[in-house]
Amino acid sequence: MNDTTVDFEQVREDCSRLTDSFDSVLMATVGVDGKPEASYAAYVKYQGDYYIYISELAAHTRNLLENDKVSLLFIEDEDKASHLFARQRATFQGQAEEIARDSEQFHFVMDAFQQKFGQFIDMLKKLQDFHLFRIHPTKGSFVQGFARAFTIEGEALDEFRHVNDTGHRNSAQSKPESMPAH
């Protein structure tokens, strides 16, 4: 497969369909000790950015208050995947920014949360330990399966490039003889 045989418009649509099929996103943040922290959060998407409303009781909130680096993962359910080793997934690296409670943006986004998740949001809005973050993705990747991996770049993250320059290695030298004991 080469770039001339890839329908990039279809790839963009497939990536959007995958990411839009979820109400929550898996994410990785960086702890104050520099170690990664995996978690998840419910989100709403607006104008290409992802918004999460999360509590200080969670490590990911404290991490984002100290370090704006974040990675988001949307991954196909195991039971829907044609192969466990090639689940469809989109990953985005981005920067998080806290949205002030007294801003118009805060109220606009919280209304979007209420539309998506219902009246429960009214109760959460009152909790002062919750923070609204805008996550602006800066680059990403989309994997549709074996030999179907793409980088996502560009100002609007609408430039997809097929990752086909190295391929997989298949030689005796690249395979381990046996699994090491732990």
N, C-alpha and C. Protein backbone atom coordinates (compact mmCIF):
# COMPACT_ATOMS: atom_id res chain seq x y z
N MET A 1 0.86 -1.18 0.00
CA MET A 1 0.00 0.00 0.00
C MET A 1 0.89 1.23 0.00
N ASN A 2 0.53 2.21 -0.80
CA ASN A 2 1.24 3.48 -0.79
C ASN A 2 0.23 4.62 -0.72
N ASP A 3 0.75 5.84 -0.58
CA ASP A 3 -0.14 7.00 -0.40
C ASP A 3 -1.10 7.20 -1.56
N THR A 4 -0.77 6.71 -2.75
CA THR A 4 -1.67 6.90 -3.89
C THR A 4 -2.87 5.96 -3.82
N THR A 5 -2.77 4.90 -3.02
CA THR A 5 -3.90 3.97 -2.91
C THR A 5 -4.73 4.20 -1.65
N VAL A 6 -4.36 5.18 -0.86
CA VAL A 6 -5.08 5.48 0.38
C VAL A 6 -6.12 6.57 0.12
N ASP A 7 -7.35 6.33 0.51
CA ASP A 7 -8.40 7.34 0.43
C ASP A 7 -8.36 8.12 1.74
N PHE A 8 -7.61 9.22 1.75
CA PHE A 8 -7.40 9.97 2.98
C PHE A 8 -8.67 10.61 3.51
N GLU A 9 -9.59 10.96 2.65
CA GLU A 9 -10.87 11.50 3.12
C GLU A 9 -11.61 10.44 3.93
N GLN A 10 -11.59 9.19 3.45
CA GLN A 10 -12.24 8.09 4.17
C GLN A 10 -11.53 7.83 5.50
N VAL A 11 -10.19 7.92 5.50
CA VAL A 11 -9.42 7.72 6.73
C VAL A 11 -9.81 8.78 7.76
N ARG A 12 -9.91 10.06 7.32
CA ARG A 12 -10.32 11.14 8.24
C ARG A 12 -11.71 10.86 8.80
N GLU A 13 -12.63 10.44 7.95
CA GLU A 13 -13.99 10.13 8.40
C GLU A 13 -13.99 8.98 9.39
N ASP A 14 -13.20 7.95 9.12
CA ASP A 14 -13.13 6.79 10.02
C ASP A 14 -12.56 7.19 11.37
N CYS A 15 -11.56 8.06 11.36
CA CYS A 15 -10.97 8.53 12.62
C CYS A 15 -12.00 9.33 13.41
N SER A 16 -12.71 10.22 12.75
CA SER A 16 -13.74 11.01 13.43
C SER A 16 -14.85 10.12 13.97
N ARG A 17 -15.25 9.14 13.19
CA ARG A 17 -16.31 8.23 13.63
C ARG A 17 -15.89 7.48 14.88
N LEU A 18 -14.63 7.04 14.91
CA LEU A 18 -14.13 6.33 16.10
C LEU A 18 -14.12 7.25 17.31
N THR A 19 -13.51 8.42 17.20
CA THR A 19 -13.39 9.30 18.37
C THR A 19 -14.75 9.82 18.83
N ASP A 20 -15.66 10.04 17.89
CA ASP A 20 -16.99 10.55 18.26
C ASP A 20 -17.91 9.47 18.85
N SER A 21 -17.47 8.21 18.80
CA SER A 21 -18.31 7.13 19.29
C SER A 21 -18.22 6.93 20.81
N PHE A 22 -17.39 7.72 21.47
CA PHE A 22 -17.18 7.56 22.91
C PHE A 22 -17.72 8.75 23.69
N ASP A 23 -18.08 8.51 24.94
CA ASP A 23 -18.45 9.57 25.87
C ASP A 23 -17.31 9.88 26.84
N SER A 24 -16.32 8.99 26.87
CA SER A 24 -15.17 9.22 27.73
C SER A 24 -13.90 8.90 26.96
N VAL A 25 -12.79 9.40 27.47
CA VAL A 25 -11.50 9.22 26.81
C VAL A 25 -10.48 8.72 27.83
N LEU A 26 -9.61 7.83 27.39
CA LEU A 26 -8.48 7.41 28.21
C LEU A 26 -7.41 8.48 28.07
N MET A 27 -6.73 8.76 29.17
CA MET A 27 -5.71 9.80 29.08
C MET A 27 -4.52 9.49 29.95
N ALA A 28 -3.40 10.08 29.56
CA ALA A 28 -2.17 9.96 30.33
C ALA A 28 -1.71 11.37 30.67
N THR A 29 -1.37 11.56 31.93
CA THR A 29 -0.83 12.83 32.40
C THR A 29 0.52 12.56 33.05
N VAL A 30 1.21 13.61 33.41
CA VAL A 30 2.54 13.49 34.00
C VAL A 30 2.46 13.95 35.46
N GLY A 31 2.86 13.07 36.37
CA GLY A 31 2.85 13.40 37.79
C GLY A 31 3.98 14.35 38.15
N VAL A 32 3.90 14.92 39.35
CA VAL A 32 4.95 15.85 39.79
C VAL A 32 6.31 15.16 39.90
N ASP A 33 6.29 13.83 40.05
CA ASP A 33 7.53 13.07 40.10
C ASP A 33 8.02 12.69 38.70
N GLY A 34 7.32 13.15 37.65
CA GLY A 34 7.71 12.86 36.28
C GLY A 34 7.21 11.53 35.76
N LYS A 35 6.48 10.79 36.59
CA LYS A 35 6.00 9.48 36.16
C LYS A 35 4.62 9.61 35.50
N PRO A 36 4.34 8.73 34.53
CA PRO A 36 3.05 8.79 33.84
C PRO A 36 1.91 8.29 34.72
N GLU A 37 0.75 8.82 34.50
CA GLU A 37 -0.46 8.44 35.24
C GLU A 37 -1.57 8.21 34.21
N ALA A 38 -2.10 7.01 34.15
CA ALA A 38 -3.18 6.69 33.23
C ALA A 38 -4.52 6.82 33.94
N SER A 39 -5.52 7.34 33.22
CA SER A 39 -6.85 7.51 33.79
C SER A 39 -7.84 7.70 32.65
N TYR A 40 -9.01 8.18 32.99
CA TYR A 40 -10.02 8.48 31.98
C TYR A 40 -10.88 9.61 32.49
N ALA A 41 -11.63 10.21 31.55
CA ALA A 41 -12.58 11.26 31.93
C ALA A 41 -13.67 11.35 30.87
N ALA A 42 -14.86 11.72 31.32
CA ALA A 42 -15.93 12.05 30.37
C ALA A 42 -15.53 13.35 29.68
N TYR A 43 -15.97 13.52 28.44
CA TYR A 43 -15.55 14.72 27.71
C TYR A 43 -16.66 15.22 26.80
N VAL A 44 -16.51 16.47 26.41
CA VAL A 44 -17.26 17.03 25.29
C VAL A 44 -16.23 17.62 24.34
N LYS A 45 -16.57 17.62 23.06
CA LYS A 45 -15.68 18.15 22.04
C LYS A 45 -16.32 19.39 21.43
N TYR A 46 -15.52 20.43 21.27
CA TYR A 46 -16.01 21.66 20.67
C TYR A 46 -14.88 22.30 19.88
N GLN A 47 -15.13 22.57 18.62
CA GLN A 47 -14.18 23.20 17.71
C GLN A 47 -12.80 22.55 17.75
N GLY A 48 -12.78 21.23 17.74
CA GLY A 48 -11.53 20.48 17.68
C GLY A 48 -10.82 20.28 19.00
N ASP A 49 -11.33 20.88 20.07
CA ASP A 49 -10.73 20.72 21.39
C ASP A 49 -11.61 19.80 22.25
N TYR A 50 -10.98 19.14 23.20
CA TYR A 50 -11.68 18.25 24.13
C TYR A 50 -11.73 18.93 25.49
N TYR A 51 -12.89 18.86 26.13
CA TYR A 51 -13.07 19.47 27.45
C TYR A 51 -13.39 18.37 28.45
N ILE A 52 -12.70 18.42 29.58
CA ILE A 52 -12.94 17.47 30.66
C ILE A 52 -13.20 18.26 31.93
N TYR A 53 -14.07 17.71 32.77
CA TYR A 53 -14.43 18.35 34.05
C TYR A 53 -14.10 17.34 35.13
N ILE A 54 -13.04 17.59 35.89
CA ILE A 54 -12.48 16.57 36.77
C ILE A 54 -12.15 17.13 38.16
N SER A 55 -12.17 16.23 39.14
CA SER A 55 -12.00 16.58 40.55
C SER A 55 -10.54 16.57 40.99
N GLU A 56 -10.22 17.46 41.92
CA GLU A 56 -8.89 17.49 42.53
C GLU A 56 -8.57 16.20 43.28
N LEU A 57 -9.58 15.43 43.64
CA LEU A 57 -9.34 14.16 44.32
C LEU A 57 -8.63 13.16 43.41
N ALA A 58 -8.71 13.36 42.10
CA ALA A 58 -8.07 12.47 41.14
C ALA A 58 -6.66 12.97 40.83
N ALA A 59 -5.73 12.04 40.70
CA ALA A 59 -4.34 12.39 40.41
C ALA A 59 -4.22 13.14 39.09
N HIS A 60 -5.04 12.78 38.11
CA HIS A 60 -4.88 13.45 36.81
C HIS A 60 -5.19 14.94 36.89
N THR A 61 -6.08 15.35 37.78
CA THR A 61 -6.38 16.77 37.94
C THR A 61 -5.19 17.50 38.54
N ARG A 62 -4.64 16.95 39.60
CA ARG A 62 -3.46 17.56 40.22
C ARG A 62 -2.31 17.62 39.21
N ASN A 63 -2.18 16.56 38.41
CA ASN A 63 -1.11 16.54 37.40
C ASN A 63 -1.30 17.66 36.38
N LEU A 64 -2.52 17.83 35.88
CA LEU A 64 -2.77 18.86 34.87
C LEU A 64 -2.62 20.27 35.42
N LEU A 65 -2.89 20.45 36.71
CA LEU A 65 -2.69 21.76 37.32
C LEU A 65 -1.21 22.12 37.39
N GLU A 66 -0.33 21.11 37.41
CA GLU A 66 1.11 21.33 37.50
C GLU A 66 1.82 21.22 36.16
N ASN A 67 1.27 20.42 35.25
CA ASN A 67 1.95 20.13 33.97
C ASN A 67 0.88 20.01 32.89
N ASP A 68 0.96 20.82 31.88
CA ASP A 68 -0.10 20.85 30.87
C ASP A 68 -0.01 19.77 29.80
N LYS A 69 0.97 18.89 29.89
CA LYS A 69 1.13 17.83 28.89
C LYS A 69 0.12 16.71 29.14
N VAL A 70 -0.54 16.26 28.06
CA VAL A 70 -1.54 15.20 28.18
C VAL A 70 -1.62 14.43 26.87
N SER A 71 -1.95 13.17 26.98
CA SER A 71 -2.18 12.33 25.81
C SER A 71 -3.56 11.71 25.95
N LEU A 72 -4.31 11.69 24.86
CA LEU A 72 -5.65 11.12 24.84
C LEU A 72 -5.66 9.88 23.96
N LEU A 73 -6.40 8.86 24.38
CA LEU A 73 -6.50 7.61 23.62
C LEU A 73 -7.95 7.21 23.47
N PHE A 74 -8.36 7.03 22.23
CA PHE A 74 -9.67 6.47 21.89
C PHE A 74 -9.38 5.13 21.25
N ILE A 75 -9.89 4.03 21.81
CA ILE A 75 -9.55 2.71 21.29
C ILE A 75 -10.79 1.85 21.16
N GLU A 76 -10.85 1.15 20.06
CA GLU A 76 -11.95 0.25 19.74
C GLU A 76 -12.11 -0.80 20.84
N ASP A 77 -13.34 -1.12 21.18
CA ASP A 77 -13.60 -2.16 22.18
C ASP A 77 -13.01 -3.50 21.71
N GLU A 78 -12.48 -4.26 22.65
CA GLU A 78 -11.89 -5.55 22.31
C GLU A 78 -12.87 -6.46 21.58
N ASP A 79 -14.11 -6.49 22.04
CA ASP A 79 -15.09 -7.41 21.44
C ASP A 79 -15.55 -6.97 20.06
N LYS A 80 -15.23 -5.74 19.65
CA LYS A 80 -15.59 -5.27 18.31
C LYS A 80 -14.42 -5.34 17.33
N ALA A 81 -13.22 -5.57 17.85
CA ALA A 81 -12.02 -5.57 17.01
C ALA A 81 -11.92 -6.85 16.20
N SER A 82 -11.47 -6.71 14.95
CA SER A 82 -11.26 -7.90 14.12
C SER A 82 -10.04 -8.68 14.60
N HIS A 83 -9.10 -8.00 15.25
CA HIS A 83 -7.92 -8.67 15.80
C HIS A 83 -7.44 -7.89 17.01
N LEU A 84 -7.17 -8.57 18.09
CA LEU A 84 -6.76 -7.93 19.34
C LEU A 84 -5.48 -7.11 19.19
N PHE A 85 -4.55 -7.56 18.34
CA PHE A 85 -3.28 -6.87 18.16
C PHE A 85 -3.37 -5.68 17.20
N ALA A 86 -4.54 -5.46 16.63
CA ALA A 86 -4.66 -4.37 15.65
C ALA A 86 -5.97 -3.60 15.87
N ARG A 87 -6.27 -3.32 17.13
CA ARG A 87 -7.48 -2.56 17.43
C ARG A 87 -7.37 -1.15 16.85
N GLN A 88 -8.47 -0.65 16.29
CA GLN A 88 -8.48 0.72 15.81
C GLN A 88 -8.29 1.65 17.00
N ARG A 89 -7.48 2.70 16.79
CA ARG A 89 -7.25 3.63 17.87
C ARG A 89 -6.74 4.96 17.32
N ALA A 90 -7.09 6.00 18.04
CA ALA A 90 -6.59 7.34 17.75
C ALA A 90 -5.96 7.87 19.02
N THR A 91 -4.77 8.40 18.89
CA THR A 91 -4.04 8.96 20.02
C THR A 91 -3.67 10.40 19.69
N PHE A 92 -3.87 11.28 20.65
CA PHE A 92 -3.52 12.69 20.46
C PHE A 92 -2.64 13.15 21.60
N GLN A 93 -1.61 13.90 21.27
CA GLN A 93 -0.81 14.60 22.27
C GLN A 93 -1.31 16.04 22.28
N GLY A 94 -1.36 16.62 23.46
CA GLY A 94 -1.87 17.97 23.51
C GLY A 94 -1.47 18.70 24.76
N GLN A 95 -2.04 19.89 24.87
CA GLN A 95 -1.81 20.74 26.03
C GLN A 95 -3.14 21.05 26.68
N ALA A 96 -3.12 21.02 28.01
CA ALA A 96 -4.32 21.30 28.79
C ALA A 96 -4.25 22.72 29.34
N GLU A 97 -5.39 23.35 29.36
CA GLU A 97 -5.51 24.71 29.92
C GLU A 97 -6.76 24.74 30.78
N GLU A 98 -6.62 25.22 32.01
CA GLU A 98 -7.78 25.34 32.87
C GLU A 98 -8.66 26.50 32.42
N ILE A 99 -9.96 26.29 32.43
CA ILE A 99 -10.93 27.32 32.07
C ILE A 99 -11.50 27.90 33.36
N ALA A 100 -11.42 29.21 33.51
CA ALA A 100 -11.88 29.89 34.73
C ALA A 100 -13.39 29.73 34.91
N ARG A 101 -13.80 29.46 36.14
CA ARG A 101 -15.21 29.26 36.46
C ARG A 101 -16.08 30.47 36.13
N ASP A 102 -15.53 31.64 36.22
CA ASP A 102 -16.33 32.85 35.99
C ASP A 102 -16.33 33.30 34.53
N SER A 103 -15.83 32.47 33.64
CA SER A 103 -15.76 32.86 32.24
C SER A 103 -17.00 32.40 31.47
N GLU A 104 -17.28 33.08 30.36
CA GLU A 104 -18.38 32.67 29.48
C GLU A 104 -18.11 31.29 28.91
N GLN A 105 -16.85 31.03 28.61
CA GLN A 105 -16.48 29.73 28.06
C GLN A 105 -16.84 28.60 29.03
N PHE A 106 -16.58 28.80 30.31
CA PHE A 106 -16.91 27.80 31.32
C PHE A 106 -18.41 27.47 31.25
N HIS A 107 -19.25 28.50 31.27
CA HIS A 107 -20.69 28.27 31.28
C HIS A 107 -21.18 27.64 29.98
N PHE A 108 -20.60 28.06 28.86
CA PHE A 108 -20.96 27.48 27.57
C PHE A 108 -20.62 25.99 27.53
N VAL A 109 -19.41 25.65 27.94
CA VAL A 109 -18.98 24.24 27.91
C VAL A 109 -19.76 23.41 28.93
N MET A 110 -20.03 23.96 30.10
CA MET A 110 -20.80 23.20 31.08
C MET A 110 -22.23 22.97 30.59
N ASP A 111 -22.79 23.89 29.82
CA ASP A 111 -24.10 23.65 29.19
C ASP A 111 -24.00 22.48 28.20
N ALA A 112 -22.89 22.40 27.47
CA ALA A 112 -22.68 21.28 26.55
C ALA A 112 -22.56 19.96 27.33
N PHE A 113 -21.89 20.00 28.49
CA PHE A 113 -21.81 18.80 29.35
C PHE A 113 -23.22 18.39 29.78
N GLN A 114 -24.03 19.35 30.16
CA GLN A 114 -25.39 19.03 30.62
C GLN A 114 -26.22 18.44 29.48
N GLN A 115 -26.08 18.98 28.29
CA GLN A 115 -26.81 18.44 27.14
C GLN A 115 -26.40 16.99 26.86
N LYS A 116 -25.12 16.71 27.03
CA LYS A 116 -24.61 15.37 26.72
C LYS A 116 -24.86 14.37 27.84
N PHE A 117 -24.73 14.83 29.11
CA PHE A 117 -24.75 13.90 30.24
C PHE A 117 -25.94 14.09 31.19
N GLY A 118 -26.77 15.07 30.94
CA GLY A 118 -27.99 15.22 31.73
C GLY A 118 -27.84 16.08 32.97
N GLN A 119 -28.89 16.04 33.80
CA GLN A 119 -29.01 16.90 34.98
C GLN A 119 -27.95 16.64 36.05
N PHE A 120 -27.31 15.49 36.02
CA PHE A 120 -26.25 15.17 36.97
C PHE A 120 -25.18 16.28 36.98
N ILE A 121 -24.98 16.92 35.85
CA ILE A 121 -23.96 17.97 35.74
C ILE A 121 -24.29 19.16 36.64
N ASP A 122 -25.58 19.44 36.87
CA ASP A 122 -25.95 20.54 37.77
C ASP A 122 -25.33 20.36 39.15
N MET A 123 -25.32 19.13 39.64
CA MET A 123 -24.73 18.84 40.94
C MET A 123 -23.21 18.98 40.88
N LEU A 124 -22.59 18.47 39.81
CA LEU A 124 -21.13 18.55 39.69
C LEU A 124 -20.64 19.98 39.56
N LYS A 125 -21.41 20.83 38.88
CA LYS A 125 -21.00 22.24 38.69
C LYS A 125 -20.81 22.94 40.03
N LYS A 126 -21.53 22.54 41.05
CA LYS A 126 -21.47 23.18 42.36
C LYS A 126 -20.23 22.78 43.16
N LEU A 127 -19.60 21.69 42.78
CA LEU A 127 -18.45 21.18 43.53
C LEU A 127 -17.20 21.97 43.17
N GLN A 128 -16.65 22.67 44.15
CA GLN A 128 -15.53 23.58 43.91
C GLN A 128 -14.20 22.88 43.67
N ASP A 129 -14.12 21.58 43.98
CA ASP A 129 -12.86 20.87 43.72
C ASP A 129 -12.78 20.38 42.28
N PHE A 130 -13.83 20.61 41.49
CA PHE A 130 -13.81 20.23 40.08
C PHE A 130 -13.25 21.37 39.24
N HIS A 131 -12.51 21.00 38.20
CA HIS A 131 -11.88 21.96 37.30
C HIS A 131 -12.23 21.58 35.87
N LEU A 132 -12.47 22.59 35.06
CA LEU A 132 -12.72 22.40 33.65
C LEU A 132 -11.42 22.67 32.89
N PHE A 133 -11.02 21.69 32.08
CA PHE A 133 -9.82 21.83 31.26
C PHE A 133 -10.20 21.73 29.79
N ARG A 134 -9.55 22.58 29.01
CA ARG A 134 -9.61 22.46 27.56
C ARG A 134 -8.33 21.76 27.15
N ILE A 135 -8.47 20.67 26.40
CA ILE A 135 -7.29 19.98 25.89
C ILE A 135 -7.22 20.25 24.39
N HIS A 136 -6.15 20.92 24.01
CA HIS A 136 -5.94 21.27 22.61
C HIS A 136 -4.95 20.26 22.02
N PRO A 137 -5.43 19.36 21.16
CA PRO A 137 -4.52 18.39 20.55
C PRO A 137 -3.59 19.07 19.54
N THR A 138 -2.31 18.71 19.57
CA THR A 138 -1.33 19.31 18.69
C THR A 138 -0.83 18.36 17.61
N LYS A 139 -0.93 17.07 17.84
CA LYS A 139 -0.58 16.06 16.85
C LYS A 139 -1.18 14.74 17.30
N GLY A 140 -1.19 13.78 16.40
CA GLY A 140 -1.78 12.50 16.76
C GLY A 140 -1.42 11.39 15.80
N SER A 141 -2.05 10.26 16.06
CA SER A 141 -1.91 9.11 15.18
C SER A 141 -3.23 8.36 15.15
N PHE A 142 -3.44 7.65 14.06
CA PHE A 142 -4.64 6.85 13.88
C PHE A 142 -4.22 5.51 13.31
N VAL A 143 -4.61 4.43 13.98
CA VAL A 143 -4.29 3.08 13.53
C VAL A 143 -5.60 2.38 13.21
N GLN A 144 -5.72 1.93 11.96
CA GLN A 144 -6.93 1.21 11.53
C GLN A 144 -6.71 -0.30 11.55
N GLY A 145 -5.49 -0.73 11.67
CA GLY A 145 -5.17 -2.15 11.66
C GLY A 145 -3.76 -2.35 11.13
N PHE A 146 -3.43 -3.58 10.83
CA PHE A 146 -2.10 -3.89 10.33
C PHE A 146 -1.83 -3.12 9.04
N ALA A 147 -0.67 -2.45 8.98
CA ALA A 147 -0.22 -1.67 7.81
C ALA A 147 -1.14 -0.50 7.50
N ARG A 148 -1.95 -0.10 8.46
CA ARG A 148 -2.89 1.03 8.27
C ARG A 148 -2.69 2.02 9.42
N ALA A 149 -1.49 2.57 9.52
CA ALA A 149 -1.18 3.55 10.56
C ALA A 149 -0.91 4.90 9.90
N PHE A 150 -1.41 5.96 10.57
CA PHE A 150 -1.32 7.30 10.01
C PHE A 150 -0.90 8.30 11.08
N THR A 151 -0.09 9.27 10.69
CA THR A 151 0.17 10.39 11.58
C THR A 151 -0.88 11.46 11.27
N ILE A 152 -1.21 12.23 12.29
CA ILE A 152 -2.18 13.32 12.15
C ILE A 152 -1.48 14.61 12.54
N GLU A 153 -1.45 15.55 11.60
CA GLU A 153 -0.75 16.80 11.82
C GLU A 153 -1.55 17.95 11.23
N GLY A 154 -0.97 19.13 11.29
CA GLY A 154 -1.59 20.31 10.71
C GLY A 154 -2.29 21.15 11.75
N GLU A 155 -2.50 22.40 11.42
CA GLU A 155 -3.15 23.34 12.34
C GLU A 155 -4.50 22.83 12.82
N ALA A 156 -5.29 22.26 11.91
CA ALA A 156 -6.62 21.75 12.26
C ALA A 156 -6.62 20.23 12.44
N LEU A 157 -5.44 19.63 12.54
CA LEU A 157 -5.29 18.18 12.63
C LEU A 157 -6.09 17.47 11.54
N ASP A 158 -5.94 17.97 10.33
CA ASP A 158 -6.66 17.39 9.21
C ASP A 158 -5.71 16.84 8.14
N GLU A 159 -4.42 16.82 8.45
CA GLU A 159 -3.42 16.28 7.53
C GLU A 159 -3.02 14.88 8.01
N PHE A 160 -3.41 13.88 7.24
CA PHE A 160 -3.10 12.50 7.56
C PHE A 160 -2.00 12.02 6.61
N ARG A 161 -1.02 11.34 7.17
CA ARG A 161 0.08 10.78 6.37
C ARG A 161 0.21 9.31 6.74
N HIS A 162 0.25 8.48 5.72
CA HIS A 162 0.38 7.04 5.93
C HIS A 162 1.79 6.73 6.40
N VAL A 163 1.92 5.98 7.48
CA VAL A 163 3.22 5.58 8.01
C VAL A 163 3.59 4.29 7.29
N ASN A 164 4.37 4.43 6.24
CA ASN A 164 4.69 3.25 5.45
C ASN A 164 6.16 3.21 5.04
N ASP A 165 6.99 3.97 5.73
CA ASP A 165 8.37 4.06 5.30
C ASP A 165 9.28 2.98 5.88
N THR A 166 8.89 2.33 6.98
CA THR A 166 9.77 1.31 7.55
C THR A 166 9.16 -0.08 7.54
N GLY A 167 7.89 -0.20 7.77
CA GLY A 167 7.26 -1.52 7.78
C GLY A 167 7.68 -2.35 8.98
N HIS A 168 7.21 -3.57 9.01
CA HIS A 168 7.54 -4.51 10.09
C HIS A 168 8.74 -5.34 9.69
N ARG A 169 9.58 -5.70 10.66
CA ARG A 169 10.71 -6.60 10.41
C ARG A 169 10.25 -8.02 10.64
N ASN A 170 10.75 -8.92 9.83
CA ASN A 170 10.43 -10.33 9.99
C ASN A 170 11.69 -11.12 9.73
N SER A 171 12.53 -11.24 10.76
CA SER A 171 13.76 -12.02 10.61
C SER A 171 14.05 -12.72 11.92
N ALA A 172 14.87 -13.73 11.84
CA ALA A 172 15.25 -14.48 13.04
C ALA A 172 15.98 -13.60 14.03
N GLN A 173 16.71 -12.59 13.53
CA GLN A 173 17.47 -11.72 14.42
C GLN A 173 16.56 -10.81 15.24
N SER A 174 15.39 -10.48 14.72
CA SER A 174 14.51 -9.55 15.44
C SER A 174 13.58 -10.25 16.41
N LYS A 175 13.55 -11.59 16.39
CA LYS A 175 12.67 -12.33 17.30
C LYS A 175 13.46 -12.85 18.49
N PRO A 176 12.93 -12.73 19.68
CA PRO A 176 13.63 -13.28 20.84
C PRO A 176 13.57 -14.80 20.80
N GLU A 177 14.66 -15.44 21.27
CA GLU A 177 14.71 -16.91 21.33
C GLU A 177 13.67 -17.46 22.28
N SER A 178 13.59 -16.85 23.45
CA SER A 178 12.60 -17.29 24.43
C SER A 178 12.28 -16.11 25.33
N MET A 179 11.21 -16.22 26.03
CA MET A 179 10.79 -15.16 26.94
C MET A 179 11.64 -15.25 28.21
N PRO A 180 12.16 -14.12 28.68
CA PRO A 180 12.94 -14.15 29.91
C PRO A 180 12.03 -14.42 31.12
N ALA A 181 12.57 -15.10 32.11
CA ALA A 181 11.81 -15.37 33.34
C ALA A 181 11.80 -14.12 34.20
N HIS A 182 10.69 -13.89 34.86
CA HIS A 182 10.57 -12.72 35.76
C HIS A 182 10.44 -13.16 37.18
